[in-house]
Amino acid sequence: MALSVRKVATARAGRYTDGRGLMLVVKKSGARSWVLRYQLSGRRRDMGLGPYPEVTLSAAREKALDARRQIVEGVDPLSAPTSRLISFREVAADLIASKSPGWRNAKHAAQWTSTLQTYADPILGSLDVNAIDTRHVLSVLRPLWTAKPETASRLRQRIEAVLDYAAAQGLRDGPNPSRWRGHVQNLLPRPSAVRRVQHHAALDWRDMPAFMADLRQREGISARALEFVLLTAARSGEVRGMRWVEINLRSCLWVVPAGRIKAGKEHRVPLTARAMEILREAGPPHALVFPAPAGPDRPLSDMALTAVLKRMNRAAITVHGFRSTFRDWAGETTSFPREVIEAALVPAVEEG
């Protein structure tokens, strides 16, 4: 069944055929792109034709028709020479320009530009974006993976974003060689594991059940605040400064105002049964949920939660390190996309 202009604009996530191999691919994010599926010499190929609405339904049909003419002549349209190659450097610049209006300040664009120019450009910069494969990506990442794991992890994500952008523009086909799940994760150690070897800051998520059982035996408001941090994957300062006016007991919801979030945006945190139990046991509702012993209007110090870890003989890990523990657990044991996991953590830097 042929697609209509209205169907293209309103279709939900999925794949929709227009006939003769032309498909509209709609992602969960709402992004739409065109793909032509064909066979040549017994081999099935998927050819990106560009994103919607930049490429309209009629334009996609014209592109598909041109490709089919080449196929009839025995020419693979994905291998056919073009007027010029589109380099990784060009696509990266286009991506940064397209994302910049949505970033909070110019610093984010500078970070993306600096990371890609410093580490990716010497190897990938002049390559045809459609020719980049796993071998190229690993040659960029391996020198940094253990020496600078945080930088390497961000770099991998940004290379992945550039190649995804190229695919959406119809400039490359096939799987993204920089994707983590099911690919790079099989070739390089987890960044968090590398960070733990270097800094010994995070607890392995497999040890969390025993840790939580021990923590629940500890008395005191600092222990309960630490437990609440772990149950919500929040930052220590966000929990220590939490006020009762931010809690909706009926909806089991904690709404952290933008002014108390590093990302500068309101954050809504669903509360588990145990988190609600902690709140009910927190005592009479003064201004602060977890006040310091010195007074109901004074927050716990930044060392109060660290002191709990020391009393548990866990001085080698940090409170902030539990965010890495959460990220590892979510990435390794759930099917949630990376963007959802990062949103739960409310990153202080730009996402994506």
C-alpha atoms as a PDB file:
ATOM      1  CA  MET A   1       0.000   0.000   0.000  1.00  0.00           C
ATOM      2  CA  ALA A   2       1.383   3.347  -1.044  1.00  0.00           C
ATOM      3  CA  LEU A   3       2.001   5.908   1.668  1.00  0.00           C
ATOM      4  CA  SER A   4       0.185   9.230   1.785  1.00  0.00           C
ATOM      5  CA  VAL A   5       1.611  12.607   2.779  1.00  0.00           C
ATOM      6  CA  ARG A   6      -0.543  12.556   5.920  1.00  0.00           C
ATOM      7  CA  LYS A   7       0.569   9.046   6.871  1.00  0.00           C
ATOM      8  CA  VAL A   8       4.221  10.025   6.513  1.00  0.00           C
ATOM      9  CA  ALA A   9       3.722  13.018   8.821  1.00  0.00           C
ATOM     10  CA  THR A  10       1.686  11.239  11.507  1.00  0.00           C
ATOM     11  CA  ALA A  11       2.942   7.634  11.582  1.00  0.00           C
ATOM     12  CA  ARG A  12       4.060   6.268  14.926  1.00  0.00           C
ATOM     13  CA  ALA A  13       7.309   4.379  15.562  1.00  0.00           C
ATOM     14  CA  GLY A  14       7.810   1.533  13.105  1.00  0.00           C
ATOM     15  CA  ARG A  15       8.526   0.739   9.453  1.00  0.00           C
ATOM     16  CA  TYR A  16       6.038   1.584   6.706  1.00  0.00           C
ATOM     17  CA  THR A  17       6.336   0.422   3.109  1.00  0.00           C
ATOM     18  CA  ASP A  18       5.519   2.546   0.087  1.00  0.00           C
ATOM     19  CA  GLY A  19       6.044  -0.372  -2.273  1.00  0.00           C
ATOM     20  CA  ARG A  20       8.951  -1.733  -4.339  1.00  0.00           C
ATOM     21  CA  GLY A  21      11.344  -1.584  -1.390  1.00  0.00           C
ATOM     22  CA  LEU A  22      10.842   2.040  -0.358  1.00  0.00           C
ATOM     23  CA  MET A  23      10.199   2.343   3.380  1.00  0.00           C
ATOM     24  CA  LEU A  24       9.614   5.072   5.930  1.00  0.00           C
ATOM     25  CA  VAL A  25      11.401   4.377   9.224  1.00  0.00           C
ATOM     26  CA  VAL A  26       9.991   6.167  12.270  1.00  0.00           C
ATOM     27  CA  LYS A  27      12.018   5.987  15.491  1.00  0.00           C
ATOM     28  CA  LYS A  28      10.597   6.244  18.997  1.00  0.00           C
ATOM     29  CA  SER A  29      11.957   9.788  19.172  1.00  0.00           C
ATOM     30  CA  GLY A  30       9.725  10.705  16.221  1.00  0.00           C
ATOM     31  CA  ALA A  31      12.634  11.075  13.789  1.00  0.00           C
ATOM     32  CA  ARG A  32      11.722   9.872  10.277  1.00  0.00           C
ATOM     33  CA  SER A  33      13.950   8.744   7.445  1.00  0.00           C
ATOM     34  CA  TRP A  34      13.683   6.961   4.109  1.00  0.00           C
ATOM     35  CA  VAL A  35      15.261   3.591   3.285  1.00  0.00           C
ATOM     36  CA  LEU A  36      15.298   1.672   0.021  1.00  0.00           C
ATOM     37  CA  ARG A  37      15.646  -2.098   0.452  1.00  0.00           C
ATOM     38  CA  TYR A  38      16.797  -4.046  -2.590  1.00  0.00           C
ATOM     39  CA  GLN A  39      18.672  -7.168  -3.666  1.00  0.00           C
ATOM     40  CA  LEU A  40      21.600  -7.344  -6.018  1.00  0.00           C
ATOM     41  CA  SER A  41      23.606 -10.482  -6.798  1.00  0.00           C
ATOM     42  CA  GLY A  42      21.731 -12.304  -4.067  1.00  0.00           C
ATOM     43  CA  ARG A  43      22.702  -9.743  -1.432  1.00  0.00           C
ATOM     44  CA  ARG A  44      20.135  -7.632   0.394  1.00  0.00           C
ATOM     45  CA  ARG A  45      21.029  -3.974   0.906  1.00  0.00           C
ATOM     46  CA  ASP A  46      19.430  -1.047   2.745  1.00  0.00           C
ATOM     47  CA  MET A  47      20.138   2.348   1.221  1.00  0.00           C
ATOM     48  CA  GLY A  48      19.416   5.528   3.183  1.00  0.00           C
ATOM     49  CA  LEU A  49      17.652   8.174   1.126  1.00  0.00           C
ATOM     50  CA  GLY A  50      17.624  10.957   3.731  1.00  0.00           C
ATOM     51  CA  PRO A  51      15.471  12.286   6.568  1.00  0.00           C
ATOM     52  CA  TYR A  52      11.894  13.541   6.481  1.00  0.00           C
ATOM     53  CA  PRO A  53      10.782  16.350   6.087  1.00  0.00           C
ATOM     54  CA  GLU A  54      14.004  17.396   4.321  1.00  0.00           C
ATOM     55  CA  VAL A  55      13.274  14.600   1.845  1.00  0.00           C
ATOM     56  CA  THR A  56       9.563  14.605   1.028  1.00  0.00           C
ATOM     57  CA  LEU A  57       7.530  11.584  -0.029  1.00  0.00           C
ATOM     58  CA  SER A  58       7.729  12.564  -3.687  1.00  0.00           C
ATOM     59  CA  ALA A  59      11.477  13.229  -3.449  1.00  0.00           C
ATOM     60  CA  ALA A  60      12.024   9.855  -1.790  1.00  0.00           C
ATOM     61  CA  ARG A  61      10.134   8.160  -4.616  1.00  0.00           C
ATOM     62  CA  GLU A  62      12.319   9.955  -7.174  1.00  0.00           C
ATOM     63  CA  LYS A  63      15.494   8.876  -5.372  1.00  0.00           C
ATOM     64  CA  ALA A  64      14.215   5.297  -5.151  1.00  0.00           C
ATOM     65  CA  LEU A  65      13.394   5.327  -8.871  1.00  0.00           C
ATOM     66  CA  ASP A  66      16.898   6.551  -9.761  1.00  0.00           C
ATOM     67  CA  ALA A  67      18.415   3.800  -7.613  1.00  0.00           C
ATOM     68  CA  ARG A  68      16.237   1.116  -9.236  1.00  0.00           C
ATOM     69  CA  ARG A  69      17.394   2.241 -12.688  1.00  0.00           C
ATOM     70  CA  GLN A  70      20.991   1.650 -11.616  1.00  0.00           C
ATOM     71  CA  ILE A  71      20.061  -1.769 -10.210  1.00  0.00           C
ATOM     72  CA  VAL A  72      18.460  -2.774 -13.525  1.00  0.00           C
ATOM     73  CA  GLU A  73      21.773  -1.932 -15.190  1.00  0.00           C
ATOM     74  CA  GLY A  74      23.611  -4.124 -12.699  1.00  0.00           C
ATOM     75  CA  VAL A  75      25.076  -1.185 -10.771  1.00  0.00           C
ATOM     76  CA  ASP A  76      24.871  -1.149  -6.978  1.00  0.00           C
ATOM     77  CA  PRO A  77      23.665   2.369  -6.103  1.00  0.00           C
ATOM     78  CA  LEU A  78      25.489   2.197  -2.765  1.00  0.00           C
ATOM     79  CA  SER A  79      28.757   1.553  -4.597  1.00  0.00           C
ATOM     80  CA  ALA A  80      28.151   3.889  -7.498  1.00  0.00           C
ATOM     81  CA  PRO A  81      30.578   6.832  -7.696  1.00  0.00           C
ATOM     82  CA  THR A  82      29.222  10.218  -6.645  1.00  0.00           C
ATOM     83  CA  SER A  83      30.316  13.688  -7.621  1.00  0.00           C
ATOM     84  CA  ARG A  84      32.378  13.938  -4.444  1.00  0.00           C
ATOM     85  CA  LEU A  85      32.886  12.181  -1.138  1.00  0.00           C
ATOM     86  CA  ILE A  86      31.375  13.581   2.045  1.00  0.00           C
ATOM     87  CA  SER A  87      33.966  13.509   4.817  1.00  0.00           C
ATOM     88  CA  PHE A  88      33.492  12.739   8.507  1.00  0.00           C
ATOM     89  CA  ARG A  89      34.800  16.243   9.212  1.00  0.00           C
ATOM     90  CA  GLU A  90      32.031  17.841   7.158  1.00  0.00           C
ATOM     91  CA  VAL A  91      29.279  15.753   8.716  1.00  0.00           C
ATOM     92  CA  ALA A  92      30.579  16.466  12.234  1.00  0.00           C
ATOM     93  CA  ALA A  93      30.493  20.208  11.548  1.00  0.00           C
ATOM     94  CA  ASP A  94      26.938  19.956  10.205  1.00  0.00           C
ATOM     95  CA  LEU A  95      25.802  17.960  13.235  1.00  0.00           C
ATOM     96  CA  ILE A  96      27.279  20.441  15.705  1.00  0.00           C
ATOM     97  CA  ALA A  97      25.659  23.322  13.840  1.00  0.00           C
ATOM     98  CA  SER A  98      22.276  21.573  13.927  1.00  0.00           C
ATOM     99  CA  LYS A  99      22.469  20.726  17.647  1.00  0.00           C
ATOM    100  CA  SER A 100      23.928  24.015  18.881  1.00  0.00           C
ATOM    101  CA  PRO A 101      20.609  25.924  19.076  1.00  0.00           C
ATOM    102  CA  GLY A 102      19.322  23.370  21.587  1.00  0.00           C
ATOM    103  CA  TRP A 103      22.355  23.535  23.867  1.00  0.00           C
ATOM    104  CA  ARG A 104      22.365  25.775  26.918  1.00  0.00           C
ATOM    105  CA  ASN A 105      25.492  27.706  25.981  1.00  0.00           C
ATOM    106  CA  ALA A 106      28.292  27.921  23.429  1.00  0.00           C
ATOM    107  CA  LYS A 107      30.590  25.882  25.689  1.00  0.00           C
ATOM    108  CA  HIS A 108      28.861  22.637  24.686  1.00  0.00           C
ATOM    109  CA  ALA A 109      29.514  23.217  20.991  1.00  0.00           C
ATOM    110  CA  ALA A 110      33.129  24.031  21.827  1.00  0.00           C
ATOM    111  CA  GLN A 111      33.446  20.778  23.798  1.00  0.00           C
ATOM    112  CA  TRP A 112      32.095  18.709  20.905  1.00  0.00           C
ATOM    113  CA  THR A 113      34.316  20.499  18.398  1.00  0.00           C
ATOM    114  CA  SER A 114      37.431  20.193  20.565  1.00  0.00           C
ATOM    115  CA  THR A 115      36.926  16.487  21.346  1.00  0.00           C
ATOM    116  CA  LEU A 116      36.312  15.496  17.728  1.00  0.00           C
ATOM    117  CA  GLN A 117      39.061  17.680  16.276  1.00  0.00           C
ATOM    118  CA  THR A 118      41.671  16.579  18.813  1.00  0.00           C
ATOM    119  CA  TYR A 119      41.051  12.835  18.817  1.00  0.00           C
ATOM    120  CA  ALA A 120      38.847  11.798  15.886  1.00  0.00           C
ATOM    121  CA  ASP A 121      39.855  14.166  13.104  1.00  0.00           C
ATOM    122  CA  PRO A 122      43.471  12.949  12.643  1.00  0.00           C
ATOM    123  CA  ILE A 123      42.157   9.476  11.684  1.00  0.00           C
ATOM    124  CA  LEU A 124      38.538   9.955  10.585  1.00  0.00           C
ATOM    125  CA  GLY A 125      38.434  13.561   9.445  1.00  0.00           C
ATOM    126  CA  SER A 126      39.182  13.164   5.747  1.00  0.00           C
ATOM    127  CA  LEU A 127      37.558   9.725   5.340  1.00  0.00           C
ATOM    128  CA  ASP A 128      34.360   9.270   3.356  1.00  0.00           C
ATOM    129  CA  VAL A 129      31.725   9.017   6.087  1.00  0.00           C
ATOM    130  CA  ASN A 130      30.253   5.938   4.367  1.00  0.00           C
ATOM    131  CA  ALA A 131      33.606   4.132   4.444  1.00  0.00           C
ATOM    132  CA  ILE A 132      34.191   4.352   8.203  1.00  0.00           C
ATOM    133  CA  ASP A 133      34.089   0.936   9.848  1.00  0.00           C
ATOM    134  CA  THR A 134      34.891  -0.694  13.192  1.00  0.00           C
ATOM    135  CA  ARG A 135      38.604  -0.780  12.429  1.00  0.00           C
ATOM    136  CA  HIS A 136      38.707   3.008  12.061  1.00  0.00           C
ATOM    137  CA  VAL A 137      36.658   3.622  15.213  1.00  0.00           C
ATOM    138  CA  LEU A 138      38.869   1.351  17.333  1.00  0.00           C
ATOM    139  CA  SER A 139      42.008   3.030  16.057  1.00  0.00           C
ATOM    140  CA  VAL A 140      40.650   6.274  17.515  1.00  0.00           C
ATOM    141  CA  LEU A 141      39.394   4.854  20.811  1.00  0.00           C
ATOM    142  CA  ARG A 142      42.048   2.339  21.870  1.00  0.00           C
ATOM    143  CA  PRO A 143      44.863   4.827  22.660  1.00  0.00           C
ATOM    144  CA  LEU A 144      42.503   6.693  25.028  1.00  0.00           C
ATOM    145  CA  TRP A 145      40.394   3.896  26.468  1.00  0.00           C
ATOM    146  CA  THR A 146      42.515   3.197  29.552  1.00  0.00           C
ATOM    147  CA  ALA A 147      44.553   6.426  29.655  1.00  0.00           C
ATOM    148  CA  LYS A 148      41.544   8.785  29.546  1.00  0.00           C
ATOM    149  CA  PRO A 149      38.396   6.663  30.019  1.00  0.00           C
ATOM    150  CA  GLU A 150      35.978   9.571  30.576  1.00  0.00           C
ATOM    151  CA  THR A 151      37.206  11.336  27.447  1.00  0.00           C
ATOM    152  CA  ALA A 152      37.165   8.105  25.445  1.00  0.00           C
ATOM    153  CA  SER A 153      33.592   7.321  26.481  1.00  0.00           C
ATOM    154  CA  ARG A 154      32.358  10.773  25.442  1.00  0.00           C
ATOM    155  CA  LEU A 155      34.340  10.517  22.210  1.00  0.00           C
ATOM    156  CA  ARG A 156      32.727   7.194  21.320  1.00  0.00           C
ATOM    157  CA  GLN A 157      29.264   8.631  21.915  1.00  0.00           C
ATOM    158  CA  ARG A 158      30.035  11.651  19.740  1.00  0.00           C
ATOM    159  CA  ILE A 159      31.426   9.564  16.889  1.00  0.00           C
ATOM    160  CA  GLU A 160      28.284   7.429  17.127  1.00  0.00           C
ATOM    161  CA  ALA A 161      26.139  10.570  16.927  1.00  0.00           C
ATOM    162  CA  VAL A 162      27.993  11.832  13.845  1.00  0.00           C
ATOM    163  CA  LEU A 163      27.591   8.505  12.036  1.00  0.00           C
ATOM    164  CA  ASP A 164      23.904   8.291  13.015  1.00  0.00           C
ATOM    165  CA  TYR A 165      23.433  11.793  11.649  1.00  0.00           C
ATOM    166  CA  ALA A 166      25.150  10.757   8.406  1.00  0.00           C
ATOM    167  CA  ALA A 167      22.832   7.750   8.107  1.00  0.00           C
ATOM    168  CA  ALA A 168      19.778   9.950   8.639  1.00  0.00           C
ATOM    169  CA  GLN A 169      21.038  12.196   5.839  1.00  0.00           C
ATOM    170  CA  GLY A 170      21.365   9.200   3.527  1.00  0.00           C
ATOM    171  CA  LEU A 171      25.169   9.460   3.476  1.00  0.00           C
ATOM    172  CA  ARG A 172      25.933   5.998   4.857  1.00  0.00           C
ATOM    173  CA  ASP A 173      24.235   2.647   5.338  1.00  0.00           C
ATOM    174  CA  GLY A 174      24.628  -0.327   7.620  1.00  0.00           C
ATOM    175  CA  PRO A 175      25.058  -0.586  11.403  1.00  0.00           C
ATOM    176  CA  ASN A 176      26.879   2.142  13.290  1.00  0.00           C
ATOM    177  CA  PRO A 177      30.433   0.875  14.024  1.00  0.00           C
ATOM    178  CA  SER A 178      30.669   3.121  17.110  1.00  0.00           C
ATOM    179  CA  ARG A 179      27.550   1.782  18.820  1.00  0.00           C
ATOM    180  CA  TRP A 180      28.185   0.394  22.291  1.00  0.00           C
ATOM    181  CA  ARG A 181      25.470  -2.207  22.849  1.00  0.00           C
ATOM    182  CA  GLY A 182      26.207  -5.466  21.080  1.00  0.00           C
ATOM    183  CA  HIS A 183      29.317  -4.136  19.341  1.00  0.00           C
ATOM    184  CA  VAL A 184      32.030  -1.976  20.939  1.00  0.00           C
ATOM    185  CA  GLN A 185      31.138  -3.462  24.339  1.00  0.00           C
ATOM    186  CA  ASN A 186      32.410  -6.790  22.959  1.00  0.00           C
ATOM    187  CA  LEU A 187      35.708  -5.264  21.861  1.00  0.00           C
ATOM    188  CA  LEU A 188      36.699  -2.937  24.712  1.00  0.00           C
ATOM    189  CA  PRO A 189      36.285  -3.110  28.514  1.00  0.00           C
ATOM    190  CA  ARG A 190      33.457  -1.158  30.111  1.00  0.00           C
ATOM    191  CA  PRO A 191      34.531   2.451  30.782  1.00  0.00           C
ATOM    192  CA  SER A 192      33.296   2.164  34.363  1.00  0.00           C
ATOM    193  CA  ALA A 193      35.524  -0.867  34.930  1.00  0.00           C
ATOM    194  CA  VAL A 194      38.504   1.087  33.667  1.00  0.00           C
ATOM    195  CA  ARG A 195      37.576   4.021  35.915  1.00  0.00           C
ATOM    196  CA  ARG A 196      37.290   1.741  38.954  1.00  0.00           C
ATOM    197  CA  VAL A 197      40.713   0.244  38.326  1.00  0.00           C
ATOM    198  CA  GLN A 198      42.183   3.729  38.191  1.00  0.00           C
ATOM    199  CA  HIS A 199      40.208   5.524  40.902  1.00  0.00           C
ATOM    200  CA  HIS A 200      38.507   2.804  43.031  1.00  0.00           C
ATOM    201  CA  ALA A 201      35.534   5.132  43.361  1.00  0.00           C
ATOM    202  CA  ALA A 202      32.498   3.039  42.387  1.00  0.00           C
ATOM    203  CA  LEU A 203      30.915  -0.130  43.720  1.00  0.00           C
ATOM    204  CA  ASP A 204      30.202  -2.974  41.310  1.00  0.00           C
ATOM    205  CA  TRP A 205      26.429  -3.214  40.847  1.00  0.00           C
ATOM    206  CA  ARG A 206      26.573  -6.925  41.642  1.00  0.00           C
ATOM    207  CA  ASP A 207      27.629  -6.003  45.183  1.00  0.00           C
ATOM    208  CA  MET A 208      24.689  -3.642  45.710  1.00  0.00           C
ATOM    209  CA  PRO A 209      22.249  -6.147  47.350  1.00  0.00           C
ATOM    210  CA  ALA A 210      24.721  -6.929  50.133  1.00  0.00           C
ATOM    211  CA  PHE A 211      25.670  -3.261  50.476  1.00  0.00           C
ATOM    212  CA  MET A 212      22.029  -2.142  50.771  1.00  0.00           C
ATOM    213  CA  ALA A 213      21.290  -4.841  53.353  1.00  0.00           C
ATOM    214  CA  ASP A 214      24.221  -3.577  55.427  1.00  0.00           C
ATOM    215  CA  LEU A 215      23.197   0.061  54.975  1.00  0.00           C
ATOM    216  CA  ARG A 216      19.646  -0.576  56.175  1.00  0.00           C
ATOM    217  CA  GLN A 217      21.048  -1.868  59.464  1.00  0.00           C
ATOM    218  CA  ARG A 218      22.765   1.465  60.050  1.00  0.00           C
ATOM    219  CA  GLU A 219      20.949   4.010  62.160  1.00  0.00           C
ATOM    220  CA  GLY A 220      20.912   7.757  61.818  1.00  0.00           C
ATOM    221  CA  ILE A 221      19.662  10.396  59.425  1.00  0.00           C
ATOM    222  CA  SER A 222      22.886  10.328  57.375  1.00  0.00           C
ATOM    223  CA  ALA A 223      22.429   6.620  56.665  1.00  0.00           C
ATOM    224  CA  ARG A 224      18.842   7.193  55.548  1.00  0.00           C
ATOM    225  CA  ALA A 225      19.901  10.106  53.351  1.00  0.00           C
ATOM    226  CA  LEU A 226      22.551   7.918  51.721  1.00  0.00           C
ATOM    227  CA  GLU A 227      19.994   5.166  51.125  1.00  0.00           C
ATOM    228  CA  PHE A 228      17.651   7.721  49.546  1.00  0.00           C
ATOM    229  CA  VAL A 229      20.491   8.857  47.253  1.00  0.00           C
ATOM    230  CA  LEU A 230      20.972   5.305  46.018  1.00  0.00           C
ATOM    231  CA  LEU A 231      17.244   4.654  45.532  1.00  0.00           C
ATOM    232  CA  THR A 232      16.827   7.788  43.395  1.00  0.00           C
ATOM    233  CA  ALA A 233      20.228   7.898  41.609  1.00  0.00           C
ATOM    234  CA  ALA A 234      20.404  11.532  42.716  1.00  0.00           C
ATOM    235  CA  ARG A 235      23.385  13.642  43.639  1.00  0.00           C
ATOM    236  CA  SER A 236      24.284  13.964  47.286  1.00  0.00           C
ATOM    237  CA  GLY A 237      23.647  17.717  47.329  1.00  0.00           C
ATOM    238  CA  GLU A 238      20.194  17.308  45.800  1.00  0.00           C
ATOM    239  CA  VAL A 239      19.135  14.936  48.587  1.00  0.00           C
ATOM    240  CA  ARG A 240      20.825  16.853  51.404  1.00  0.00           C
ATOM    241  CA  GLY A 241      19.031  20.020  50.266  1.00  0.00           C
ATOM    242  CA  MET A 242      15.671  18.324  49.624  1.00  0.00           C
ATOM    243  CA  ARG A 243      12.676  20.125  51.119  1.00  0.00           C
ATOM    244  CA  TRP A 244       9.272  18.765  52.016  1.00  0.00           C
ATOM    245  CA  VAL A 245       7.585  21.161  49.598  1.00  0.00           C
ATOM    246  CA  GLU A 246       9.263  19.227  46.774  1.00  0.00           C
ATOM    247  CA  ILE A 247       7.557  15.958  47.776  1.00  0.00           C
ATOM    248  CA  ASN A 248       4.128  14.886  46.535  1.00  0.00           C
ATOM    249  CA  LEU A 249       3.243  12.107  48.976  1.00  0.00           C
ATOM    250  CA  ARG A 250       0.014  11.248  47.191  1.00  0.00           C
ATOM    251  CA  SER A 251       1.684  10.825  43.790  1.00  0.00           C
ATOM    252  CA  CYS A 252       4.918   9.325  45.226  1.00  0.00           C
ATOM    253  CA  LEU A 253       6.877  11.963  43.338  1.00  0.00           C
ATOM    254  CA  TRP A 254       9.860  14.165  44.115  1.00  0.00           C
ATOM    255  CA  VAL A 255      10.057  17.296  41.960  1.00  0.00           C
ATOM    256  CA  VAL A 256      13.506  18.875  42.176  1.00  0.00           C
ATOM    257  CA  PRO A 257      13.292  22.536  41.091  1.00  0.00           C
ATOM    258  CA  ALA A 258      15.560  23.772  38.313  1.00  0.00           C
ATOM    259  CA  GLY A 259      17.458  26.012  40.709  1.00  0.00           C
ATOM    260  CA  ARG A 260      18.780  23.013  42.616  1.00  0.00           C
ATOM    261  CA  ILE A 261      19.790  20.978  39.558  1.00  0.00           C
ATOM    262  CA  LYS A 262      23.174  21.357  37.872  1.00  0.00           C
ATOM    263  CA  ALA A 263      21.542  20.815  34.489  1.00  0.00           C
ATOM    264  CA  GLY A 264      19.279  23.801  35.189  1.00  0.00           C
ATOM    265  CA  LYS A 265      16.032  21.956  34.445  1.00  0.00           C
ATOM    266  CA  GLU A 266      13.300  20.669  36.747  1.00  0.00           C
ATOM    267  CA  HIS A 267      13.708  16.947  37.452  1.00  0.00           C
ATOM    268  CA  ARG A 268      10.829  14.628  38.388  1.00  0.00           C
ATOM    269  CA  VAL A 269      11.781  11.511  40.352  1.00  0.00           C
ATOM    270  CA  PRO A 270       9.254   8.665  40.884  1.00  0.00           C
ATOM    271  CA  LEU A 271       9.666   7.280  44.401  1.00  0.00           C
ATOM    272  CA  THR A 272       9.759   3.575  45.182  1.00  0.00           C
ATOM    273  CA  ALA A 273       7.970   1.980  48.114  1.00  0.00           C
ATOM    274  CA  ARG A 274      11.186   1.940  50.134  1.00  0.00           C
ATOM    275  CA  ALA A 275      11.899   5.600  49.345  1.00  0.00           C
ATOM    276  CA  MET A 276       8.390   6.498  50.569  1.00  0.00           C
ATOM    277  CA  GLU A 277       8.996   4.442  53.707  1.00  0.00           C
ATOM    278  CA  ILE A 278      12.149   6.449  54.406  1.00  0.00           C
ATOM    279  CA  LEU A 279      10.180   9.681  54.049  1.00  0.00           C
ATOM    280  CA  ARG A 280       7.469   8.464  56.432  1.00  0.00           C
ATOM    281  CA  GLU A 281      10.154   7.600  58.978  1.00  0.00           C
ATOM    282  CA  ALA A 282      11.958  10.923  58.550  1.00  0.00           C
ATOM    283  CA  GLY A 283      10.046  12.543  61.408  1.00  0.00           C
ATOM    284  CA  PRO A 284       8.005  15.737  61.570  1.00  0.00           C
ATOM    285  CA  PRO A 285       8.152  17.653  58.274  1.00  0.00           C
ATOM    286  CA  HIS A 286      10.328  20.700  58.856  1.00  0.00           C
ATOM    287  CA  ALA A 287      11.739  22.635  55.908  1.00  0.00           C
ATOM    288  CA  LEU A 288      14.415  20.035  55.131  1.00  0.00           C
ATOM    289  CA  VAL A 289      13.732  16.327  54.810  1.00  0.00           C
ATOM    290  CA  PHE A 290      17.200  15.338  56.080  1.00  0.00           C
ATOM    291  CA  PRO A 291      18.320  18.162  58.411  1.00  0.00           C
ATOM    292  CA  ALA A 292      21.609  18.190  60.280  1.00  0.00           C
ATOM    293  CA  PRO A 293      21.636  17.429  64.031  1.00  0.00           C
ATOM    294  CA  ALA A 294      22.506  21.087  64.625  1.00  0.00           C
ATOM    295  CA  GLY A 295      19.020  22.232  63.618  1.00  0.00           C
ATOM    296  CA  PRO A 296      15.990  21.510  61.402  1.00  0.00           C
ATOM    297  CA  ASP A 297      16.919  24.237  58.931  1.00  0.00           C
ATOM    298  CA  ARG A 298      20.558  23.241  58.494  1.00  0.00           C
ATOM    299  CA  PRO A 299      21.384  20.617  55.812  1.00  0.00           C
ATOM    300  CA  LEU A 300      23.723  17.722  56.381  1.00  0.00           C
ATOM    301  CA  SER A 301      27.322  18.475  55.481  1.00  0.00           C
ATOM    302  CA  ASP A 302      28.846  17.044  52.319  1.00  0.00           C
ATOM    303  CA  MET A 303      30.955  14.746  54.506  1.00  0.00           C
ATOM    304  CA  ALA A 304      28.044  13.247  56.443  1.00  0.00           C
ATOM    305  CA  LEU A 305      27.285  10.615  53.823  1.00  0.00           C
ATOM    306  CA  THR A 306      30.977   9.902  53.263  1.00  0.00           C
ATOM    307  CA  ALA A 307      31.282   9.249  56.981  1.00  0.00           C
ATOM    308  CA  VAL A 308      28.615   6.538  56.676  1.00  0.00           C
ATOM    309  CA  LEU A 309      30.712   4.805  54.025  1.00  0.00           C
ATOM    310  CA  LYS A 310      33.764   4.946  56.280  1.00  0.00           C
ATOM    311  CA  ARG A 311      31.830   3.392  59.150  1.00  0.00           C
ATOM    312  CA  MET A 312      30.822   0.614  56.750  1.00  0.00           C
ATOM    313  CA  ASN A 313      34.504   0.056  55.880  1.00  0.00           C
ATOM    314  CA  ARG A 314      33.811   1.311  52.347  1.00  0.00           C
ATOM    315  CA  ALA A 315      36.190   4.258  52.360  1.00  0.00           C
ATOM    316  CA  ALA A 316      37.562   3.228  48.933  1.00  0.00           C
ATOM    317  CA  ILE A 317      34.306   4.240  47.208  1.00  0.00           C
ATOM    318  CA  THR A 318      32.556   7.609  46.981  1.00  0.00           C
ATOM    319  CA  VAL A 319      28.940   8.698  47.157  1.00  0.00           C
ATOM    320  CA  HIS A 320      29.174  10.140  43.653  1.00  0.00           C
ATOM    321  CA  GLY A 321      30.565   6.819  42.428  1.00  0.00           C
ATOM    322  CA  PHE A 322      27.165   5.210  42.940  1.00  0.00           C
ATOM    323  CA  ARG A 323      25.961   7.118  39.890  1.00  0.00           C
ATOM    324  CA  SER A 324      28.441   5.066  37.858  1.00  0.00           C
ATOM    325  CA  THR A 325      27.129   1.958  39.597  1.00  0.00           C
ATOM    326  CA  PHE A 326      23.588   2.867  38.512  1.00  0.00           C
ATOM    327  CA  ARG A 327      24.728   3.577  34.951  1.00  0.00           C
ATOM    328  CA  ASP A 328      26.511   0.212  34.743  1.00  0.00           C
ATOM    329  CA  TRP A 329      23.519  -1.677  36.144  1.00  0.00           C
ATOM    330  CA  ALA A 330      21.063   0.033  33.813  1.00  0.00           C
ATOM    331  CA  GLY A 331      23.294  -0.426  30.773  1.00  0.00           C
ATOM    332  CA  GLU A 332      24.101  -4.079  31.430  1.00  0.00           C
ATOM    333  CA  THR A 333      20.845  -5.474  32.786  1.00  0.00           C
ATOM    334  CA  THR A 334      18.041  -3.400  31.232  1.00  0.00           C
ATOM    335  CA  SER A 335      16.967  -2.614  27.679  1.00  0.00           C
ATOM    336  CA  PHE A 336      16.519   1.116  28.219  1.00  0.00           C
ATOM    337  CA  PRO A 337      18.295   3.342  25.645  1.00  0.00           C
ATOM    338  CA  ARG A 338      21.370   5.257  26.753  1.00  0.00           C
ATOM    339  CA  GLU A 339      19.449   8.531  26.494  1.00  0.00           C
ATOM    340  CA  VAL A 340      16.840   7.332  29.009  1.00  0.00           C
ATOM    341  CA  ILE A 341      19.517   6.167  31.450  1.00  0.00           C
ATOM    342  CA  GLU A 342      21.341   9.492  31.201  1.00  0.00           C
ATOM    343  CA  ALA A 343      18.076  11.392  31.660  1.00  0.00           C
ATOM    344  CA  ALA A 344      17.492   9.513  34.919  1.00  0.00           C
ATOM    345  CA  LEU A 345      20.907  10.727  36.101  1.00  0.00           C
ATOM    346  CA  VAL A 346      20.329  14.340  34.986  1.00  0.00           C
ATOM    347  CA  PRO A 347      23.829  14.863  33.545  1.00  0.00           C
ATOM    348  CA  ALA A 348      25.428  18.196  34.318  1.00  0.00           C
ATOM    349  CA  VAL A 349      26.871  18.347  30.783  1.00  0.00           C
ATOM    350  CA  GLU A 350      25.161  18.201  27.442  1.00  0.00           C
ATOM    351  CA  GLU A 351      23.522  14.955  26.409  1.00  0.00           C
ATOM    352  CA  GLY A 352      23.911  12.991  23.253  1.00  0.00           C
END
